[in-house]
Amino acid sequence: MPSPMEVSVTLPPEIAESVARKVASGAYASAADVVRAGLRALIERDDLVERWLHEEVVAGHAEYLTDPAQAVPAEALLARIKAARGVHPGL
């Protein structure tokens, strides 16, 4: 197992304040704990995006290549997404 890596970073004031608030609330023991949790969340999100790309996007593209006539125009797809999210179609 690799040894831990110590890193020093400079945070913009608004992020530093957010980190300080999280520590002050008692949710985290230290700024390092906040940063570790944030990095774990970032890694998890990146993994989910990669999985989505491989499982959904690649599969959808392969399906499109099989029968391009079944494709949905981008505008229609965007309208469906907005409708599902309850967003007014003109926005």
Protein backbone atom coordinates (compact mmCIF):
# COMPACT_ATOMS: atom_id res chain seq x y z
CA MET A 1 0.00 0.00 0.00
CA PRO A 2 1.42 3.41 -0.90
CA SER A 3 2.34 5.71 1.94
CA PRO A 4 0.21 8.80 2.59
CA MET A 5 1.10 11.92 0.62
CA GLU A 6 1.23 15.27 2.39
CA VAL A 7 0.05 18.19 0.27
CA SER A 8 -0.20 21.88 1.01
CA VAL A 9 -2.89 23.89 -0.80
CA THR A 10 -4.05 27.48 -0.78
CA LEU A 11 -7.83 27.82 -0.83
CA PRO A 12 -9.78 30.83 -2.05
CA PRO A 13 -11.45 32.67 0.84
CA GLU A 14 -14.98 31.40 0.13
CA ILE A 15 -13.85 27.77 0.12
CA ALA A 16 -11.66 28.27 3.20
CA GLU A 17 -14.67 29.76 5.01
CA SER A 18 -16.82 26.81 4.00
CA VAL A 19 -14.20 24.38 5.29
CA ALA A 20 -13.95 26.32 8.57
CA ARG A 21 -17.75 26.28 8.99
CA LYS A 22 -17.83 22.51 8.47
CA VAL A 23 -15.15 22.00 11.12
CA ALA A 24 -16.81 24.47 13.51
CA SER A 25 -20.15 22.66 13.13
CA GLY A 26 -18.55 19.50 14.43
CA ALA A 27 -19.30 17.59 11.23
CA TYR A 28 -15.56 17.16 10.64
CA ALA A 29 -12.65 17.03 13.07
CA SER A 30 -10.26 19.00 10.87
CA ALA A 31 -9.82 20.82 7.58
CA ALA A 32 -7.92 17.77 6.33
CA ASP A 33 -11.00 15.61 7.02
CA VAL A 34 -13.16 18.03 4.99
CA VAL A 35 -10.72 17.96 2.08
CA ARG A 36 -10.45 14.15 2.19
CA ALA A 37 -14.25 13.83 2.14
CA GLY A 38 -14.47 16.26 -0.77
CA LEU A 39 -11.85 14.36 -2.74
CA ARG A 40 -13.61 11.04 -2.05
CA ALA A 41 -16.86 12.57 -3.35
CA LEU A 42 -15.07 13.87 -6.45
CA ILE A 43 -13.53 10.47 -7.15
CA GLU A 44 -16.93 8.78 -6.66
CA ARG A 45 -18.60 11.26 -9.03
CA ASP A 46 -15.89 10.76 -11.65
CA ASP A 47 -16.30 6.99 -11.37
CA LEU A 48 -20.08 7.33 -11.84
CA VAL A 49 -19.59 9.52 -14.91
CA GLU A 50 -17.13 7.02 -16.39
CA ARG A 51 -19.56 4.15 -15.75
CA TRP A 52 -22.42 6.14 -17.32
CA LEU A 53 -20.31 6.94 -20.37
CA HIS A 54 -19.35 3.32 -20.89
CA GLU A 55 -22.70 1.73 -20.05
CA GLU A 56 -25.21 4.27 -21.37
CA VAL A 57 -23.57 6.58 -23.88
CA VAL A 58 -21.55 3.95 -25.73
CA ALA A 59 -24.56 1.62 -25.79
CA GLY A 60 -26.81 4.43 -27.04
CA HIS A 61 -24.37 5.33 -29.77
CA ALA A 62 -24.12 1.70 -30.85
CA GLU A 63 -27.93 1.55 -30.98
CA TYR A 64 -27.98 4.71 -33.09
CA LEU A 65 -25.45 3.24 -35.51
CA THR A 66 -27.65 0.15 -35.87
CA ASP A 67 -30.67 2.24 -36.93
CA PRO A 68 -30.04 5.99 -37.38
CA ALA A 69 -33.66 6.50 -38.50
CA GLN A 70 -34.76 5.94 -34.88
CA ALA A 71 -32.68 8.88 -33.64
CA VAL A 72 -34.39 11.66 -31.70
CA PRO A 73 -33.42 15.24 -32.65
CA ALA A 74 -31.48 17.06 -29.94
CA GLU A 75 -34.21 19.69 -29.54
CA ALA A 76 -36.84 17.01 -28.93
CA LEU A 77 -34.61 15.25 -26.43
CA LEU A 78 -33.94 18.49 -24.57
CA ALA A 79 -37.68 19.19 -24.46
CA ARG A 80 -38.26 15.72 -22.95
CA ILE A 81 -35.62 16.31 -20.30
CA LYS A 82 -37.04 19.73 -19.41
CA ALA A 83 -40.56 18.31 -19.22
CA ALA A 84 -39.40 15.50 -16.94
CA ARG A 85 -37.70 18.05 -14.68
CA GLY A 86 -40.71 20.36 -14.69
CA VAL A 87 -38.90 23.14 -16.55
CA HIS A 88 -40.94 25.41 -18.80
CA PRO A 89 -40.23 24.43 -22.45
CA GLY A 90 -39.35 27.99 -23.44
CA LEU A 91 -36.49 28.18 -20.90
